[in-house]
């Protein structure tokens, strides 16, 4: 199977294997909090998937989210998060679907919904091995950054009035 073009928005079948990991970063002075959201994809599991098709799908997702390279400061990509019935969703540009951000810690949810903190998106294009420890995840992220396989940007909650 050939890789999808980069400007094609991934569909729900691809997005079902995208995972989100959330965290909070507090500045050293304690005055600024940034919510973090790491987007990764599982290794190929279907007969038509390869590491390259997964990477191409994640590059397409990064394109749709307007994420930039880590060699640049993270750009503001617009308010892409919304809340509906307590569920946080990420609008990734699909006309019919959103990506549900689950599960998230109560502190993360409170910071994003109640305090309106910015959310730093970090997306890796290399499939993420399953069952990584925290140390192994850190090594994986360091490798993705080193090899240019990560993109980032900043979003926040879309307000409805």
N, C-alpha and C. Protein backbone atom coordinates (compact mmCIF):
# COMPACT_ATOMS: atom_id res chain seq x y z
N UNK A 1 0.84 -1.18 0.00
CA UNK A 1 0.00 0.00 0.00
C UNK A 1 0.88 1.24 0.00
N UNK A 2 0.51 2.22 -0.79
CA UNK A 2 1.29 3.46 -0.82
C UNK A 2 0.85 4.38 0.31
N UNK A 3 1.75 5.24 0.67
CA UNK A 3 1.46 6.19 1.75
C UNK A 3 0.48 7.24 1.24
N UNK A 4 -0.43 7.71 2.12
CA UNK A 4 -1.38 8.73 1.71
C UNK A 4 -0.67 10.07 1.49
N UNK A 5 -1.22 10.92 0.61
CA UNK A 5 -0.62 12.25 0.43
C UNK A 5 -0.65 13.01 1.75
N UNK A 6 0.33 13.90 1.93
CA UNK A 6 0.44 14.59 3.21
C UNK A 6 -0.72 15.52 3.48
N UNK A 7 -1.40 16.03 2.45
CA UNK A 7 -2.46 16.99 2.68
C UNK A 7 -3.84 16.35 2.82
N UNK A 8 -3.90 15.04 2.95
CA UNK A 8 -5.17 14.34 3.13
C UNK A 8 -5.40 14.14 4.63
N UNK A 9 -6.54 14.60 5.11
CA UNK A 9 -6.87 14.47 6.53
C UNK A 9 -7.09 13.00 6.86
N UNK A 10 -6.40 12.50 7.89
CA UNK A 10 -6.60 11.10 8.28
C UNK A 10 -8.05 10.83 8.68
N UNK A 11 -8.52 9.65 8.36
CA UNK A 11 -9.88 9.26 8.70
C UNK A 11 -9.95 8.58 10.06
N UNK A 12 -11.16 8.21 10.47
CA UNK A 12 -11.34 7.62 11.80
C UNK A 12 -10.63 6.27 11.97
N UNK A 13 -10.46 5.50 10.91
CA UNK A 13 -9.77 4.22 11.04
C UNK A 13 -8.32 4.43 11.44
N UNK A 14 -7.65 5.39 10.82
CA UNK A 14 -6.27 5.70 11.19
C UNK A 14 -6.22 6.30 12.59
N UNK A 15 -7.11 7.23 12.86
CA UNK A 15 -7.10 7.94 14.14
C UNK A 15 -7.42 7.02 15.32
N UNK A 16 -8.06 5.88 15.07
CA UNK A 16 -8.38 4.97 16.18
C UNK A 16 -7.12 4.39 16.82
N UNK A 17 -5.99 4.45 16.12
CA UNK A 17 -4.73 3.96 16.68
C UNK A 17 -3.80 5.08 17.10
N UNK A 18 -4.31 6.32 17.10
CA UNK A 18 -3.55 7.45 17.62
C UNK A 18 -3.84 7.54 19.11
N UNK A 19 -2.80 7.72 19.89
CA UNK A 19 -2.95 7.80 21.34
C UNK A 19 -2.48 9.16 21.83
N UNK A 20 -3.12 9.63 22.88
CA UNK A 20 -2.75 10.90 23.50
C UNK A 20 -2.31 10.66 24.93
N UNK A 21 -1.21 11.28 25.29
CA UNK A 21 -0.73 11.25 26.67
C UNK A 21 -0.65 12.70 27.14
N UNK A 22 -1.23 12.96 28.29
CA UNK A 22 -1.30 14.34 28.77
C UNK A 22 -0.41 14.53 29.99
N UNK A 23 0.00 15.77 30.18
CA UNK A 23 0.79 16.12 31.34
C UNK A 23 0.75 17.62 31.53
N UNK A 24 1.24 18.08 32.66
CA UNK A 24 1.32 19.51 32.96
C UNK A 24 2.78 19.88 33.18
N UNK A 25 3.17 21.02 32.62
CA UNK A 25 4.51 21.56 32.85
C UNK A 25 4.37 22.88 33.57
N UNK A 26 5.05 23.00 34.71
CA UNK A 26 5.04 24.24 35.48
C UNK A 26 6.41 24.91 35.30
N UNK A 27 6.40 26.20 35.00
CA UNK A 27 7.65 26.93 34.84
C UNK A 27 8.43 26.88 36.15
N UNK A 28 9.75 27.02 36.08
CA UNK A 28 10.56 26.97 37.31
C UNK A 28 10.12 27.97 38.38
N UNK A 29 9.61 29.12 37.96
CA UNK A 29 9.16 30.11 38.94
C UNK A 29 7.74 29.83 39.43
N UNK A 30 7.08 28.83 38.83
CA UNK A 30 5.74 28.45 39.26
C UNK A 30 4.64 29.38 38.79
N UNK A 31 4.96 30.34 37.93
CA UNK A 31 3.97 31.32 37.50
C UNK A 31 3.21 30.90 36.24
N UNK A 32 3.77 29.97 35.47
CA UNK A 32 3.15 29.57 34.21
C UNK A 32 2.96 28.06 34.17
N UNK A 33 1.77 27.66 33.76
CA UNK A 33 1.48 26.24 33.55
C UNK A 33 1.13 26.04 32.08
N UNK A 34 1.69 25.02 31.49
CA UNK A 34 1.35 24.63 30.12
C UNK A 34 0.89 23.18 30.15
N UNK A 35 -0.28 22.94 29.60
CA UNK A 35 -0.74 21.56 29.46
C UNK A 35 -0.02 20.96 28.26
N UNK A 36 0.35 19.70 28.36
CA UNK A 36 1.05 19.03 27.28
C UNK A 36 0.20 17.88 26.77
N UNK A 37 0.25 17.67 25.46
CA UNK A 37 -0.48 16.57 24.85
C UNK A 37 0.42 15.93 23.80
N UNK A 38 0.84 14.71 24.07
CA UNK A 38 1.69 13.94 23.18
C UNK A 38 0.81 13.05 22.32
N UNK A 39 0.95 13.15 20.99
CA UNK A 39 0.18 12.34 20.05
C UNK A 39 1.12 11.34 19.38
N UNK A 40 0.82 10.05 19.54
CA UNK A 40 1.63 8.99 18.96
C UNK A 40 0.70 7.98 18.29
N UNK A 41 1.28 7.09 17.52
CA UNK A 41 0.51 6.03 16.84
C UNK A 41 1.13 4.68 17.17
N UNK A 42 0.29 3.69 17.31
CA UNK A 42 0.77 2.34 17.59
C UNK A 42 1.55 1.80 16.39
N UNK A 43 2.36 0.76 16.59
CA UNK A 43 3.04 0.11 15.47
C UNK A 43 2.01 -0.50 14.51
N UNK A 44 2.41 -0.76 13.27
CA UNK A 44 1.48 -1.38 12.32
C UNK A 44 0.89 -2.66 12.89
N UNK A 45 -0.44 -2.81 12.70
CA UNK A 45 -1.07 -4.03 13.22
C UNK A 45 -1.94 -4.72 12.17
N UNK A 46 -2.24 -4.01 11.09
CA UNK A 46 -3.04 -4.58 10.01
C UNK A 46 -2.15 -4.93 8.83
N UNK A 47 -2.59 -5.84 7.98
CA UNK A 47 -1.75 -6.34 6.89
C UNK A 47 -1.34 -5.24 5.91
N UNK A 48 -2.14 -4.20 5.76
CA UNK A 48 -1.82 -3.14 4.80
C UNK A 48 -0.97 -2.02 5.41
N UNK A 49 -0.69 -2.11 6.72
CA UNK A 49 0.08 -1.05 7.38
C UNK A 49 1.56 -1.40 7.42
N UNK A 50 2.37 -0.38 7.29
CA UNK A 50 3.82 -0.49 7.46
C UNK A 50 4.27 0.69 8.32
N UNK A 51 5.51 0.65 8.76
CA UNK A 51 6.04 1.80 9.49
C UNK A 51 5.91 3.07 8.65
N UNK A 52 6.14 2.95 7.35
CA UNK A 52 6.08 4.13 6.47
C UNK A 52 4.65 4.65 6.32
N UNK A 53 3.65 3.77 6.21
CA UNK A 53 2.28 4.28 6.07
C UNK A 53 1.82 4.94 7.37
N UNK A 54 2.25 4.39 8.51
CA UNK A 54 1.92 5.02 9.79
C UNK A 54 2.60 6.38 9.88
N UNK A 55 3.89 6.44 9.53
CA UNK A 55 4.62 7.71 9.57
C UNK A 55 3.98 8.73 8.62
N UNK A 56 3.57 8.29 7.43
CA UNK A 56 2.93 9.20 6.48
C UNK A 56 1.61 9.71 7.02
N UNK A 57 0.85 8.85 7.67
CA UNK A 57 -0.41 9.28 8.27
C UNK A 57 -0.19 10.30 9.37
N UNK A 58 0.86 10.10 10.18
CA UNK A 58 1.16 11.05 11.25
C UNK A 58 1.70 12.37 10.68
N UNK A 59 2.46 12.30 9.57
CA UNK A 59 2.89 13.54 8.91
C UNK A 59 1.67 14.30 8.38
N UNK A 60 0.70 13.56 7.84
CA UNK A 60 -0.53 14.20 7.36
C UNK A 60 -1.29 14.84 8.52
N UNK A 61 -1.34 14.16 9.66
CA UNK A 61 -2.01 14.72 10.83
C UNK A 61 -1.29 15.98 11.29
N UNK A 62 0.03 15.95 11.32
CA UNK A 62 0.81 17.14 11.70
C UNK A 62 0.53 18.29 10.74
N UNK A 63 0.42 17.99 9.45
CA UNK A 63 0.10 19.01 8.45
C UNK A 63 -1.28 19.61 8.72
N UNK A 64 -2.27 18.75 8.98
CA UNK A 64 -3.64 19.20 9.23
C UNK A 64 -3.73 20.04 10.50
N UNK A 65 -2.88 19.75 11.48
CA UNK A 65 -2.87 20.50 12.73
C UNK A 65 -1.98 21.75 12.65
N UNK A 66 -1.30 21.93 11.51
CA UNK A 66 -0.41 23.08 11.28
C UNK A 66 0.78 23.09 12.24
N UNK A 67 1.24 21.91 12.63
CA UNK A 67 2.36 21.80 13.55
C UNK A 67 3.67 22.09 12.83
N UNK A 68 4.62 22.68 13.54
CA UNK A 68 5.90 23.04 12.95
C UNK A 68 7.03 22.20 13.50
N UNK A 69 8.21 22.35 12.91
CA UNK A 69 9.38 21.59 13.38
C UNK A 69 9.85 22.08 14.74
N UNK A 70 10.52 21.21 15.46
CA UNK A 70 11.03 21.57 16.78
C UNK A 70 12.21 22.54 16.70
N UNK A 71 12.72 22.79 15.50
CA UNK A 71 13.80 23.77 15.33
C UNK A 71 13.26 25.19 15.40
N UNK A 72 11.94 25.34 15.38
CA UNK A 72 11.29 26.65 15.49
C UNK A 72 10.52 26.70 16.80
N UNK A 73 10.26 27.93 17.31
CA UNK A 73 9.38 28.02 18.49
C UNK A 73 8.01 27.45 18.13
N UNK A 74 7.31 26.87 19.11
CA UNK A 74 5.99 26.31 18.79
C UNK A 74 5.02 27.40 18.37
N UNK A 75 4.40 27.22 17.21
CA UNK A 75 3.47 28.21 16.69
C UNK A 75 2.08 28.00 17.28
N UNK A 76 1.31 29.07 17.38
CA UNK A 76 -0.08 28.94 17.81
C UNK A 76 -0.88 28.48 16.60
N UNK A 77 -1.55 27.34 16.73
CA UNK A 77 -2.25 26.73 15.60
C UNK A 77 -3.76 26.97 15.65
N UNK A 78 -4.19 27.81 16.59
CA UNK A 78 -5.61 28.11 16.71
C UNK A 78 -6.24 27.32 17.85
N UNK A 79 -7.44 27.71 18.24
CA UNK A 79 -8.14 26.99 19.32
C UNK A 79 -8.79 25.71 18.77
N UNK A 80 -8.10 24.60 18.89
CA UNK A 80 -8.55 23.33 18.29
C UNK A 80 -9.25 22.40 19.27
N UNK A 81 -9.26 22.74 20.55
CA UNK A 81 -9.89 21.88 21.55
C UNK A 81 -11.29 22.36 21.87
N UNK A 82 -12.18 21.41 22.12
CA UNK A 82 -13.54 21.75 22.55
C UNK A 82 -13.98 20.76 23.62
N UNK A 83 -15.01 21.16 24.34
CA UNK A 83 -15.57 20.30 25.39
C UNK A 83 -17.04 20.10 25.10
N UNK A 84 -17.46 18.85 25.11
CA UNK A 84 -18.87 18.51 24.93
C UNK A 84 -19.21 17.40 25.91
N UNK A 85 -20.16 17.68 26.79
CA UNK A 85 -20.57 16.72 27.82
C UNK A 85 -19.39 16.19 28.61
N UNK A 86 -18.45 17.08 28.90
CA UNK A 86 -17.30 16.72 29.71
C UNK A 86 -16.16 16.06 28.96
N UNK A 87 -16.36 15.75 27.67
CA UNK A 87 -15.32 15.11 26.87
C UNK A 87 -14.54 16.17 26.10
N UNK A 88 -13.22 16.09 26.18
CA UNK A 88 -12.36 17.02 25.44
C UNK A 88 -12.03 16.39 24.10
N UNK A 89 -12.20 17.19 23.04
CA UNK A 89 -11.93 16.73 21.68
C UNK A 89 -10.98 17.67 20.98
N UNK A 90 -10.19 17.12 20.07
CA UNK A 90 -9.26 17.87 19.25
C UNK A 90 -9.77 17.88 17.82
N UNK A 91 -10.00 19.06 17.28
CA UNK A 91 -10.42 19.21 15.89
C UNK A 91 -9.17 19.13 15.02
N UNK A 92 -9.04 18.05 14.26
CA UNK A 92 -7.84 17.85 13.44
C UNK A 92 -8.12 18.08 11.96
N UNK A 93 -9.25 18.70 11.66
CA UNK A 93 -9.52 19.10 10.28
C UNK A 93 -10.42 18.18 9.48
N UNK A 94 -10.88 17.09 10.08
CA UNK A 94 -11.81 16.20 9.39
C UNK A 94 -13.20 16.82 9.47
N UNK A 95 -13.93 16.83 8.36
CA UNK A 95 -15.26 17.46 8.32
C UNK A 95 -16.30 16.74 9.17
N UNK A 96 -16.06 15.47 9.50
CA UNK A 96 -17.08 14.68 10.20
C UNK A 96 -16.65 14.15 11.56
N UNK A 97 -15.37 14.16 11.85
CA UNK A 97 -14.87 13.51 13.05
C UNK A 97 -13.94 14.43 13.83
N UNK A 98 -13.89 14.23 15.13
CA UNK A 98 -12.89 14.86 16.00
C UNK A 98 -12.17 13.74 16.74
N UNK A 99 -11.04 14.08 17.32
CA UNK A 99 -10.26 13.12 18.10
C UNK A 99 -10.55 13.33 19.57
N UNK A 100 -11.09 12.31 20.22
CA UNK A 100 -11.38 12.40 21.66
C UNK A 100 -10.08 12.23 22.45
N UNK A 101 -9.83 13.17 23.33
CA UNK A 101 -8.63 13.16 24.16
C UNK A 101 -8.97 12.48 25.47
N UNK A 102 -8.65 11.20 25.58
CA UNK A 102 -8.94 10.42 26.78
C UNK A 102 -7.80 9.46 27.03
N UNK A 103 -7.59 9.06 28.23
CA UNK A 103 -8.06 9.69 29.46
C UNK A 103 -7.11 10.83 29.83
N UNK A 104 -7.60 11.77 30.59
CA UNK A 104 -6.76 12.85 31.09
C UNK A 104 -6.96 12.96 32.59
N UNK A 105 -5.92 13.38 33.27
CA UNK A 105 -5.98 13.54 34.72
C UNK A 105 -6.88 14.73 35.07
N UNK A 106 -7.53 14.67 36.22
CA UNK A 106 -8.39 15.78 36.63
C UNK A 106 -7.65 17.12 36.66
N UNK A 107 -6.37 17.11 37.05
CA UNK A 107 -5.59 18.35 37.09
C UNK A 107 -5.42 18.93 35.69
N UNK A 108 -5.19 18.07 34.71
CA UNK A 108 -5.02 18.51 33.32
C UNK A 108 -6.34 19.10 32.82
N UNK A 109 -7.42 18.38 33.04
CA UNK A 109 -8.75 18.84 32.63
C UNK A 109 -9.08 20.19 33.26
N UNK A 110 -8.82 20.32 34.53
CA UNK A 110 -9.10 21.57 35.24
C UNK A 110 -8.26 22.73 34.66
N UNK A 111 -6.99 22.48 34.41
CA UNK A 111 -6.12 23.53 33.87
C UNK A 111 -6.60 23.99 32.49
N UNK A 112 -7.00 23.04 31.66
CA UNK A 112 -7.43 23.37 30.29
C UNK A 112 -8.81 24.01 30.28
N UNK A 113 -9.76 23.43 31.01
CA UNK A 113 -11.14 23.91 30.95
C UNK A 113 -11.36 25.12 31.86
N UNK A 114 -10.94 25.03 33.10
CA UNK A 114 -11.25 26.08 34.06
C UNK A 114 -10.26 27.25 34.01
N UNK A 115 -8.98 26.94 33.82
CA UNK A 115 -7.97 27.99 33.84
C UNK A 115 -7.61 28.49 32.45
N UNK A 116 -7.99 27.75 31.42
CA UNK A 116 -7.73 28.18 30.05
C UNK A 116 -6.27 28.19 29.65
N UNK A 117 -5.45 27.31 30.25
CA UNK A 117 -4.02 27.30 29.91
C UNK A 117 -3.82 26.81 28.48
N UNK A 118 -2.71 27.22 27.91
CA UNK A 118 -2.35 26.75 26.58
C UNK A 118 -2.02 25.26 26.63
N UNK A 119 -2.19 24.60 25.50
CA UNK A 119 -1.87 23.18 25.37
C UNK A 119 -0.80 23.04 24.30
N UNK A 120 0.35 22.51 24.70
CA UNK A 120 1.43 22.26 23.76
C UNK A 120 1.24 20.87 23.17
N UNK A 121 1.02 20.81 21.86
CA UNK A 121 0.89 19.55 21.14
C UNK A 121 2.27 19.11 20.69
N UNK A 122 2.60 17.86 20.91
CA UNK A 122 3.82 17.26 20.39
C UNK A 122 3.41 15.97 19.70
N UNK A 123 3.75 15.85 18.43
CA UNK A 123 3.35 14.70 17.63
C UNK A 123 4.61 14.02 17.11
N UNK A 124 4.67 12.71 17.24
CA UNK A 124 5.78 11.95 16.68
C UNK A 124 5.29 11.16 15.49
N UNK A 125 6.15 11.04 14.49
CA UNK A 125 5.75 10.31 13.28
C UNK A 125 6.20 8.86 13.29
N UNK A 126 7.12 8.52 14.16
CA UNK A 126 7.58 7.12 14.26
C UNK A 126 6.60 6.34 15.11
N UNK A 127 6.14 5.17 14.66
CA UNK A 127 5.25 4.36 15.49
C UNK A 127 5.86 4.13 16.87
N UNK A 128 5.00 4.17 17.87
CA UNK A 128 5.44 4.05 19.25
C UNK A 128 5.31 2.61 19.73
N UNK A 129 6.40 1.99 20.15
CA UNK A 129 6.29 0.64 20.68
C UNK A 129 5.33 0.61 21.87
N UNK A 130 4.64 -0.49 22.02
CA UNK A 130 3.68 -0.64 23.11
C UNK A 130 4.39 -0.99 24.41
N UNK A 131 3.81 -0.58 25.53
CA UNK A 131 4.29 -0.99 26.84
C UNK A 131 5.58 -0.36 27.29
N UNK A 132 5.87 0.85 26.83
CA UNK A 132 7.11 1.50 27.24
C UNK A 132 7.01 2.01 28.67
N UNK A 133 8.12 1.90 29.40
CA UNK A 133 8.19 2.50 30.73
C UNK A 133 8.37 4.00 30.55
N UNK A 134 8.34 4.75 31.64
CA UNK A 134 8.55 6.20 31.56
C UNK A 134 9.94 6.51 31.02
N UNK A 135 10.95 5.78 31.46
CA UNK A 135 12.32 6.00 30.98
C UNK A 135 12.43 5.66 29.49
N UNK A 136 11.80 4.58 29.07
CA UNK A 136 11.83 4.19 27.66
C UNK A 136 11.08 5.20 26.80
N UNK A 137 10.00 5.75 27.31
CA UNK A 137 9.25 6.78 26.59
C UNK A 137 10.12 8.02 26.43
N UNK A 138 10.84 8.39 27.46
CA UNK A 138 11.73 9.54 27.38
C UNK A 138 12.82 9.32 26.33
N UNK A 139 13.38 8.12 26.28
CA UNK A 139 14.39 7.78 25.28
C UNK A 139 13.78 7.83 23.88
N UNK A 140 12.58 7.27 23.72
CA UNK A 140 11.86 7.29 22.43
C UNK A 140 11.67 8.74 21.96
N UNK A 141 11.22 9.62 22.87
CA UNK A 141 11.00 11.02 22.50
C UNK A 141 12.32 11.71 22.15
N UNK A 142 13.37 11.44 22.91
CA UNK A 142 14.68 12.02 22.60
C UNK A 142 15.13 11.60 21.20
N UNK A 143 14.92 10.33 20.85
CA UNK A 143 15.30 9.84 19.52
C UNK A 143 14.48 10.51 18.43
N UNK A 144 13.17 10.65 18.66
CA UNK A 144 12.31 11.30 17.67
C UNK A 144 12.73 12.75 17.45
N UNK A 145 13.05 13.45 18.52
CA UNK A 145 13.52 14.84 18.42
C UNK A 145 14.84 14.87 17.66
N UNK A 146 15.78 14.03 18.06
CA UNK A 146 17.10 13.98 17.42
C UNK A 146 17.00 13.69 15.92
N UNK A 147 16.08 12.78 15.55
CA UNK A 147 15.97 12.35 14.16
C UNK A 147 14.99 13.20 13.34
N UNK A 148 14.45 14.27 13.93
CA UNK A 148 13.54 15.14 13.20
C UNK A 148 12.16 14.52 12.97
N UNK A 149 11.75 13.61 13.84
CA UNK A 149 10.50 12.88 13.68
C UNK A 149 9.41 13.39 14.62
N UNK A 150 9.48 14.66 14.98
CA UNK A 150 8.48 15.24 15.87
C UNK A 150 8.12 16.63 15.36
N UNK A 151 6.88 17.02 15.60
CA UNK A 151 6.36 18.35 15.23
C UNK A 151 5.61 18.88 16.44
N UNK A 152 5.51 20.22 16.53
CA UNK A 152 4.80 20.78 17.68
C UNK A 152 4.10 22.07 17.35
N UNK A 153 3.22 22.43 18.27
CA UNK A 153 2.46 23.67 18.16
C UNK A 153 1.69 23.87 19.45
N UNK A 154 1.03 25.02 19.54
CA UNK A 154 0.27 25.35 20.73
C UNK A 154 -1.18 25.62 20.36
N UNK A 155 -2.08 25.08 21.14
CA UNK A 155 -3.50 25.30 20.94
C UNK A 155 -4.12 25.65 22.29
N UNK A 156 -5.39 25.81 22.28
CA UNK A 156 -6.12 26.03 23.54
C UNK A 156 -7.58 25.66 23.30
N UNK A 157 -8.35 25.77 24.35
CA UNK A 157 -9.77 25.45 24.29
C UNK A 157 -10.51 26.51 23.49
N UNK A 158 -11.38 26.06 22.62
CA UNK A 158 -12.24 26.93 21.85
C UNK A 158 -13.38 27.38 22.77
N UNK A 159 -13.52 28.64 22.95
CA UNK A 159 -14.58 29.17 23.83
C UNK A 159 -15.87 29.33 23.06
N UNK A 160 -16.96 28.98 23.71
CA UNK A 160 -18.31 29.19 23.15
C UNK A 160 -19.02 30.19 24.02
N UNK A 161 -19.61 31.17 23.41
CA UNK A 161 -20.35 32.18 24.19
C UNK A 161 -21.79 32.20 23.75
